[in-house]
Amino acid sequence: MDQKLTILFDLDGTLIDTAPDLMNAHNYVMKKFGYVERELGDIKRLAGRGSKVMIKKSIHEIAEKTGKIKKTNENETEEMTKEFINYYSQNICNESKPRVGVLDFLTWCKKNSISMAVCTNKQEHLSIDLLKKIKLYDFFEYVAGGNTFNYNKPDPRHLINTIELMSGNLKKSVMIGDSETDSNAAKAAKIPFILIKNGYTEKNPDQINYDHLIKNFVGLEEIIQKYIND
């Protein structure tokens, strides 16, 4: 019997446009701790490595832009991250929406017996909650968040362990994501990578390694069919 294809998906910016809700939570925390608020485009650039990294990078960018260095420390960063997660968890799906073509594509994958999982640097419980609220959770066999293992993307073990837990095969797996974090993880895991445009990254597509470049999920079945037949 042929091995089933496994597809791993990033979450923020790939499956779901979460930037508006991330921005609202981010700005709530920034305002509370005395920092300036950021714009939607800023959040899209900062969101790919998890909430703590996003906050650290945001503080650094604010300091560079304003020239006002506000002293912060690891304890404050931890406190800001907790505040962010608390606020975001209560407002996780106010404005977030699946990207174009996602529902139809996931439905097609399910009909074609493709195994699917989410590999995201968002915390596991937040990822599951969002997927359930947006009614996509039942499509996936596994959700590996940024805190599921002792490592996360771009560490390839985030992907490799997920595939192994699903009894999948690395040689019959594909990763779909929107950033260099996803790309680097897929490259290190030695699996094909499909890059979706207009994701959460500061890099242009020509600065990211990919095997296929897509605008959205419409028509993606044609590309995936080739991996099913391989």
Protein backbone atom coordinates (compact mmCIF):
# COMPACT_ATOMS: atom_id res chain seq x y z
CA MET A 1 0.00 0.00 0.00
CA ASP A 2 1.33 3.45 -0.94
CA GLN A 3 2.35 5.78 1.88
CA LYS A 4 -0.13 8.64 2.38
CA LEU A 5 1.00 12.19 1.74
CA THR A 6 1.46 14.40 4.82
CA ILE A 7 1.04 18.17 4.61
CA LEU A 8 2.27 20.44 7.40
CA PHE A 9 0.83 23.96 7.61
CA ASP A 10 2.03 27.06 9.37
CA LEU A 11 -0.86 28.88 11.06
CA ASP A 12 -0.50 32.68 11.35
CA GLY A 13 -0.36 34.27 7.91
CA THR A 14 -0.63 30.89 6.17
CA LEU A 15 -3.93 29.23 7.07
CA ILE A 16 -5.40 32.22 8.89
CA ASP A 17 -4.95 35.97 8.64
CA THR A 18 -4.56 36.63 12.36
CA ALA A 19 -2.75 39.97 12.14
CA PRO A 20 -5.67 42.22 13.21
CA ASP A 21 -6.19 40.31 16.48
CA LEU A 22 -2.45 40.02 17.08
CA MET A 23 -2.09 43.77 16.55
CA ASN A 24 -4.88 44.58 18.99
CA ALA A 25 -3.31 42.38 21.68
CA HIS A 26 0.16 43.72 20.95
CA ASN A 27 -0.93 47.34 21.16
CA TYR A 28 -2.87 46.69 24.37
CA VAL A 29 0.38 45.50 25.97
CA MET A 30 2.53 48.24 24.42
CA LYS A 31 0.20 50.95 25.74
CA LYS A 32 0.01 49.38 29.20
CA PHE A 33 3.81 49.30 29.53
CA GLY A 34 4.43 52.77 28.15
CA TYR A 35 5.47 52.02 24.55
CA VAL A 36 4.04 53.45 21.33
CA GLU A 37 1.51 51.38 19.40
CA ARG A 38 2.36 49.67 16.11
CA GLU A 39 0.64 49.38 12.73
CA LEU A 40 -0.75 46.27 11.02
CA GLY A 41 2.22 45.99 8.65
CA ASP A 42 4.60 45.99 11.61
CA ILE A 43 2.80 43.08 13.24
CA LYS A 44 2.90 41.03 10.04
CA ARG A 45 6.67 41.39 9.96
CA LEU A 46 7.10 40.48 13.62
CA ALA A 47 4.63 37.64 14.14
CA GLY A 48 6.50 34.59 12.82
CA ARG A 49 8.63 33.58 15.79
CA GLY A 50 6.14 33.59 18.64
CA SER A 51 4.82 36.20 21.06
CA LYS A 52 7.92 36.74 23.19
CA VAL A 53 10.18 37.27 20.18
CA MET A 54 7.58 39.59 18.64
CA ILE A 55 7.52 41.78 21.74
CA LYS A 56 11.32 41.88 22.03
CA LYS A 57 11.74 42.81 18.37
CA SER A 58 8.99 45.41 18.60
CA ILE A 59 10.63 47.14 21.58
CA HIS A 60 13.96 47.15 19.75
CA GLU A 61 12.40 48.66 16.61
CA ILE A 62 10.61 51.35 18.63
CA ALA A 63 13.89 52.32 20.30
CA GLU A 64 15.70 52.52 16.96
CA LYS A 65 12.93 54.55 15.33
CA THR A 66 12.35 57.05 18.15
CA GLY A 67 15.85 57.17 19.57
CA LYS A 68 14.27 56.84 22.98
CA ILE A 69 15.79 53.88 24.76
CA LYS A 70 13.38 52.76 27.47
CA LYS A 71 15.14 50.42 29.84
CA THR A 72 13.62 46.98 29.90
CA ASN A 73 14.71 43.65 31.26
CA GLU A 74 13.91 39.98 30.96
CA ASN A 75 11.39 40.13 33.79
CA GLU A 76 9.46 42.93 32.11
CA THR A 77 9.55 41.08 28.78
CA GLU A 78 8.17 37.98 30.49
CA GLU A 79 5.43 40.04 32.12
CA MET A 80 4.55 41.70 28.81
CA THR A 81 4.41 38.31 27.11
CA LYS A 82 2.05 36.96 29.77
CA GLU A 83 -0.16 40.04 29.42
CA PHE A 84 -0.16 39.62 25.65
CA ILE A 85 -1.14 35.94 25.82
CA ASN A 86 -3.85 36.63 28.40
CA TYR A 87 -5.42 39.42 26.35
CA TYR A 88 -5.01 37.62 23.06
CA SER A 89 -6.51 34.38 24.38
CA GLN A 90 -9.69 36.30 25.26
CA ASN A 91 -9.79 38.09 21.89
CA ILE A 92 -8.31 35.45 19.60
CA CYS A 93 -10.94 35.35 16.88
CA ASN A 94 -12.55 38.78 16.70
CA GLU A 95 -11.22 39.68 13.26
CA SER A 96 -9.14 36.66 12.17
CA LYS A 97 -10.22 34.92 8.96
CA PRO A 98 -9.04 31.91 6.91
CA ARG A 99 -6.98 32.86 3.88
CA VAL A 100 -8.61 32.63 0.47
CA GLY A 101 -9.31 29.05 -0.63
CA VAL A 102 -8.31 27.40 2.66
CA LEU A 103 -11.60 25.65 3.43
CA ASP A 104 -12.00 24.23 -0.08
CA PHE A 105 -8.39 23.03 -0.13
CA LEU A 106 -8.57 21.34 3.27
CA THR A 107 -11.82 19.65 2.25
CA TRP A 108 -10.17 18.35 -0.93
CA CYS A 109 -7.19 17.04 1.07
CA LYS A 110 -9.50 15.22 3.46
CA LYS A 111 -11.35 13.58 0.56
CA ASN A 112 -8.03 12.46 -0.89
CA SER A 113 -6.88 10.87 2.40
CA ILE A 114 -4.04 13.34 2.90
CA SER A 115 -2.75 13.54 6.48
CA MET A 116 -2.62 17.12 7.76
CA ALA A 117 -1.06 18.83 10.76
CA VAL A 118 -0.29 22.35 11.92
CA CYS A 119 3.27 23.34 12.87
CA THR A 120 3.25 26.82 14.35
CA ASN A 121 5.31 28.91 16.77
CA LYS A 122 2.06 30.08 18.35
CA GLN A 123 1.46 28.37 21.69
CA GLU A 124 -0.31 25.04 21.35
CA HIS A 125 -3.41 25.86 23.41
CA LEU A 126 -3.92 29.15 21.55
CA SER A 127 -3.52 27.41 18.20
CA ILE A 128 -6.08 24.74 19.06
CA ASP A 129 -8.51 27.31 20.44
CA LEU A 130 -8.24 29.46 17.31
CA LEU A 131 -8.66 26.50 14.95
CA LYS A 132 -11.74 25.35 16.86
CA LYS A 133 -13.32 28.82 16.89
CA ILE A 134 -12.70 29.30 13.19
CA LYS A 135 -14.00 25.76 12.54
CA LEU A 136 -10.87 24.26 10.96
CA TYR A 137 -9.62 22.09 13.84
CA ASP A 138 -11.26 18.83 12.71
CA PHE A 139 -9.23 18.77 9.50
CA PHE A 140 -5.97 18.16 11.37
CA GLU A 141 -4.56 15.04 12.97
CA TYR A 142 -2.09 16.98 15.09
CA VAL A 143 -1.32 20.54 16.18
CA ALA A 144 2.30 21.21 17.18
CA GLY A 145 2.66 24.63 18.76
CA GLY A 146 5.71 26.60 19.73
CA ASN A 147 5.68 25.02 23.20
CA THR A 148 4.72 21.46 22.22
CA PHE A 149 8.34 20.30 22.06
CA ASN A 150 11.54 21.70 23.56
CA TYR A 151 12.27 23.40 20.24
CA ASN A 152 10.35 25.07 17.43
CA LYS A 153 10.75 26.37 13.90
CA PRO A 154 13.19 26.98 12.29
CA ASP A 155 14.47 23.87 14.12
CA PRO A 156 13.61 21.01 11.73
CA ARG A 157 12.75 18.71 14.63
CA HIS A 158 9.50 20.64 15.02
CA LEU A 159 8.46 19.27 11.63
CA ILE A 160 10.20 15.90 11.85
CA ASN A 161 8.71 15.00 15.23
CA THR A 162 5.24 15.98 14.07
CA ILE A 163 5.51 13.76 11.00
CA GLU A 164 6.78 10.88 13.13
CA LEU A 165 3.92 11.27 15.62
CA MET A 166 1.52 11.00 12.68
CA SER A 167 3.27 7.85 11.42
CA GLY A 168 4.14 9.76 8.27
CA ASN A 169 7.16 9.60 6.00
CA LEU A 170 9.57 12.50 5.49
CA LYS A 171 9.94 11.49 1.85
CA LYS A 172 6.18 11.82 1.42
CA SER A 173 5.69 15.15 3.22
CA VAL A 174 5.26 18.80 2.22
CA MET A 175 5.37 22.04 4.23
CA ILE A 176 3.23 25.09 3.46
CA GLY A 177 4.16 28.40 5.08
CA ASP A 178 4.56 32.13 4.64
CA SER A 179 8.03 32.99 5.95
CA GLU A 180 11.74 32.23 6.02
CA THR A 181 11.17 30.54 9.39
CA ASP A 182 8.99 27.93 7.70
CA SER A 183 11.30 27.71 4.71
CA ASN A 184 14.41 27.15 6.81
CA ALA A 185 12.70 24.46 8.87
CA ALA A 186 11.52 22.64 5.74
CA LYS A 187 14.92 22.90 4.07
CA ALA A 188 16.68 21.49 7.14
CA ALA A 189 14.09 18.69 7.35
CA LYS A 190 14.66 18.03 3.63
CA ILE A 191 11.01 18.30 2.64
CA PRO A 192 9.50 20.41 -0.19
CA PHE A 193 8.31 23.88 0.75
CA ILE A 194 5.38 25.83 -0.69
CA LEU A 195 5.51 29.58 0.04
CA ILE A 196 2.31 31.62 0.18
CA LYS A 197 2.64 35.29 -0.75
CA ASN A 198 1.81 38.26 1.46
CA GLY A 199 2.51 36.39 4.67
CA TYR A 200 4.01 37.48 7.96
CA THR A 201 7.60 38.24 7.06
CA GLU A 202 9.76 41.23 6.23
CA LYS A 203 11.43 39.38 3.37
CA ASN A 204 10.39 39.32 -0.27
CA PRO A 205 9.64 35.94 -1.89
CA ASP A 206 12.92 36.09 -3.85
CA GLN A 207 14.77 36.16 -0.51
CA ILE A 208 13.15 32.91 0.68
CA ASN A 209 13.87 29.39 -0.55
CA TYR A 210 10.81 27.60 -1.90
CA ASP A 211 9.79 24.88 -4.35
CA HIS A 212 6.48 26.50 -5.28
CA LEU A 213 5.12 30.02 -4.84
CA ILE A 214 1.36 30.55 -4.49
CA LYS A 215 -0.88 33.61 -4.13
CA ASN A 216 -3.46 31.76 -2.04
CA PHE A 217 -4.92 28.26 -1.72
CA VAL A 218 -7.04 28.44 -4.88
CA GLY A 219 -5.79 25.84 -7.38
CA LEU A 220 -3.19 24.39 -5.00
CA GLU A 221 -4.68 20.92 -5.59
CA GLU A 222 -2.84 20.74 -8.93
CA ILE A 223 0.54 21.13 -7.24
CA ILE A 224 -0.27 18.70 -4.43
CA GLN A 225 -1.55 16.08 -6.88
CA LYS A 226 2.01 15.74 -8.21
CA TYR A 227 3.26 14.84 -4.72
CA ILE A 228 0.47 12.31 -4.29
CA ASN A 229 1.52 10.62 -7.54
CA ASP A 230 5.26 10.62 -6.78
